[in-house]
C-alpha atoms as a PDB file:
ATOM      1  CA  MET A   1      -0.041  -0.014  -0.002  1.00  0.00           C
ATOM      2  CA  ASN A   2       1.156   3.565  -0.751  1.00  0.00           C
ATOM      3  CA  LEU A   3       0.647   6.076   2.107  1.00  0.00           C
ATOM      4  CA  LEU A   4       1.129   9.757   2.090  1.00  0.00           C
ATOM      5  CA  LEU A   5       1.684  11.250   5.601  1.00  0.00           C
ATOM      6  CA  ASP A   6       0.345  14.712   6.228  1.00  0.00           C
ATOM      7  CA  THR A   7       2.310  17.022   8.379  1.00  0.00           C
ATOM      8  CA  HIS A   8       0.517  16.139  11.612  1.00  0.00           C
ATOM      9  CA  ALA A   9       0.881  12.406  11.125  1.00  0.00           C
ATOM     10  CA  LEU A  10       4.552  12.834  10.289  1.00  0.00           C
ATOM     11  CA  LEU A  11       5.249  14.872  13.453  1.00  0.00           C
ATOM     12  CA  TRP A  12       3.228  12.522  15.572  1.00  0.00           C
ATOM     13  CA  TRP A  13       5.197   9.552  14.131  1.00  0.00           C
ATOM     14  CA  LEU A  14       8.520  11.183  14.663  1.00  0.00           C
ATOM     15  CA  SER A  15       7.749  12.191  18.284  1.00  0.00           C
ATOM     16  CA  ASP A  16       5.939   8.924  19.102  1.00  0.00           C
ATOM     17  CA  ASP A  17       2.825  11.011  19.989  1.00  0.00           C
ATOM     18  CA  PRO A  18      -0.271   8.984  21.134  1.00  0.00           C
ATOM     19  CA  ALA A  19      -2.417  11.185  18.908  1.00  0.00           C
ATOM     20  CA  LEU A  20      -1.422   8.909  15.965  1.00  0.00           C
ATOM     21  CA  LYS A  21      -3.992   6.216  15.887  1.00  0.00           C
ATOM     22  CA  THR A  22      -2.856   2.552  16.397  1.00  0.00           C
ATOM     23  CA  GLU A  23      -4.163   1.687  12.885  1.00  0.00           C
ATOM     24  CA  ALA A  24      -1.919   4.388  11.391  1.00  0.00           C
ATOM     25  CA  ARG A  25       1.083   3.275  13.358  1.00  0.00           C
ATOM     26  CA  GLN A  26       0.709  -0.206  12.097  1.00  0.00           C
ATOM     27  CA  ALA A  27       0.290   0.893   8.508  1.00  0.00           C
ATOM     28  CA  ILE A  28       3.345   3.117   8.745  1.00  0.00           C
ATOM     29  CA  SER A  29       5.581   0.471  10.355  1.00  0.00           C
ATOM     30  CA  GLN A  30       4.655  -2.271   7.941  1.00  0.00           C
ATOM     31  CA  ALA A  31       7.725  -2.866   5.770  1.00  0.00           C
ATOM     32  CA  SER A  32       5.748  -3.650   2.684  1.00  0.00           C
ATOM     33  CA  ASN A  33       4.100  -0.177   2.566  1.00  0.00           C
ATOM     34  CA  ILE A  34       5.750   2.720   0.822  1.00  0.00           C
ATOM     35  CA  ILE A  35       5.432   5.855   2.952  1.00  0.00           C
ATOM     36  CA  TYR A  36       5.643   9.183   1.242  1.00  0.00           C
ATOM     37  CA  VAL A  37       6.221  12.606   2.789  1.00  0.00           C
ATOM     38  CA  SER A  38       5.431  15.632   0.687  1.00  0.00           C
ATOM     39  CA  ALA A  39       7.888  18.437   0.138  1.00  0.00           C
ATOM     40  CA  ALA A  40       5.033  20.627   1.265  1.00  0.00           C
ATOM     41  CA  SER A  41       5.229  19.011   4.746  1.00  0.00           C
ATOM     42  CA  ALA A  42       9.019  19.535   5.006  1.00  0.00           C
ATOM     43  CA  TRP A  43       8.499  23.172   4.021  1.00  0.00           C
ATOM     44  CA  GLU A  44       5.806  23.765   6.568  1.00  0.00           C
ATOM     45  CA  ILE A  45       7.857  22.142   9.267  1.00  0.00           C
ATOM     46  CA  SER A  46      10.940  24.069   8.422  1.00  0.00           C
ATOM     47  CA  ILE A  47       9.236  27.452   8.482  1.00  0.00           C
ATOM     48  CA  LYS A  48       7.370  26.795  11.783  1.00  0.00           C
ATOM     49  CA  LYS A  49      10.557  25.479  13.385  1.00  0.00           C
ATOM     50  CA  ALA A  50      12.495  28.663  12.213  1.00  0.00           C
ATOM     51  CA  LEU A  51       9.736  30.840  13.703  1.00  0.00           C
ATOM     52  CA  GLY A  52      10.046  28.984  17.041  1.00  0.00           C
ATOM     53  CA  LYS A  53       6.427  27.611  16.737  1.00  0.00           C
ATOM     54  CA  LEU A  54       7.337  23.938  16.389  1.00  0.00           C
ATOM     55  CA  ASP A  55       9.665  21.481  18.062  1.00  0.00           C
ATOM     56  CA  ALA A  56      10.896  19.222  15.191  1.00  0.00           C
ATOM     57  CA  PRO A  57      13.998  17.222  14.350  1.00  0.00           C
ATOM     58  CA  ASP A  58      17.008  19.494  13.575  1.00  0.00           C
ATOM     59  CA  ASP A  59      17.790  17.319  10.585  1.00  0.00           C
ATOM     60  CA  LEU A  60      14.372  16.464   9.189  1.00  0.00           C
ATOM     61  CA  HIS A  61      15.906  14.930   6.010  1.00  0.00           C
ATOM     62  CA  ALA A  62      17.871  12.522   8.133  1.00  0.00           C
ATOM     63  CA  ALA A  63      14.868  11.600  10.206  1.00  0.00           C
ATOM     64  CA  LEU A  64      12.928  10.850   7.020  1.00  0.00           C
ATOM     65  CA  LEU A  65      15.681   8.622   5.717  1.00  0.00           C
ATOM     66  CA  ALA A  66      16.010   6.842   9.056  1.00  0.00           C
ATOM     67  CA  ASN A  67      12.278   5.954   8.949  1.00  0.00           C
ATOM     68  CA  ARG A  68      12.477   4.861   5.136  1.00  0.00           C
ATOM     69  CA  PHE A  69      10.135   7.551   4.091  1.00  0.00           C
ATOM     70  CA  GLU A  70      10.042   8.475   0.426  1.00  0.00           C
ATOM     71  CA  PRO A  71      10.078  12.112  -0.643  1.00  0.00           C
ATOM     72  CA  LEU A  72       7.109  13.292  -2.759  1.00  0.00           C
ATOM     73  CA  PRO A  73       8.026  16.301  -4.810  1.00  0.00           C
ATOM     74  CA  ILE A  74       5.289  18.674  -5.745  1.00  0.00           C
ATOM     75  CA  THR A  75       4.879  20.383  -9.070  1.00  0.00           C
ATOM     76  CA  ILE A  76       2.460  23.112 -10.053  1.00  0.00           C
ATOM     77  CA  GLY A  77       0.603  20.469 -11.960  1.00  0.00           C
ATOM     78  CA  HIS A  78       0.242  18.314  -8.899  1.00  0.00           C
ATOM     79  CA  ALA A  79      -1.084  21.278  -6.897  1.00  0.00           C
ATOM     80  CA  THR A  80      -3.631  22.311  -9.357  1.00  0.00           C
ATOM     81  CA  SER A  81      -4.978  18.809  -9.891  1.00  0.00           C
ATOM     82  CA  ALA A  82      -5.195  18.088  -6.153  1.00  0.00           C
ATOM     83  CA  GLY A  83      -8.998  18.859  -6.195  1.00  0.00           C
ATOM     84  CA  ASN A  84      -9.510  15.937  -8.422  1.00  0.00           C
ATOM     85  CA  CYS A  85      -8.342  13.468  -5.785  1.00  0.00           C
ATOM     86  CA  ARG A  86     -10.422  11.254  -3.489  1.00  0.00           C
ATOM     87  CA  VAL A  87      -9.220  11.454   0.117  1.00  0.00           C
ATOM     88  CA  THR A  88      -9.661   8.829   2.704  1.00  0.00           C
ATOM     89  CA  ILE A  89      -8.914  10.004   6.224  1.00  0.00           C
ATOM     90  CA  MET A  90      -6.729   7.672   8.269  1.00  0.00           C
ATOM     91  CA  ILE A  91      -3.293   8.925   7.654  1.00  0.00           C
ATOM     92  CA  HIS A  92      -4.701  10.855   4.624  1.00  0.00           C
ATOM     93  CA  SER A  93      -4.689   8.170   1.971  1.00  0.00           C
ATOM     94  CA  ILE A  94      -5.152   9.748  -1.399  1.00  0.00           C
ATOM     95  CA  GLU A  95      -6.228   8.236  -4.655  1.00  0.00           C
ATOM     96  CA  CYS A  96      -5.968  10.228  -7.873  1.00  0.00           C
END
């Protein structure tokens, strides 16, 4: 299964926060699943961390690699077609 973590789910995973549901934890930890993290999440985390509004890993890129998360770059085309996607809320599973 392919999963896209939103910013909250990513931060909850990295900090082992109980706000992340058990079902989501199991899906993320399953080795056969591919876990994607959007460049938009990294951007958001970096900005909020720089403003002092968020406690996050100093080296987010290293944290993503250590957790075997795959980067998901975003283009203008992706952004403009996002409204055509069906979203299932769990960890924010998206089908386009």
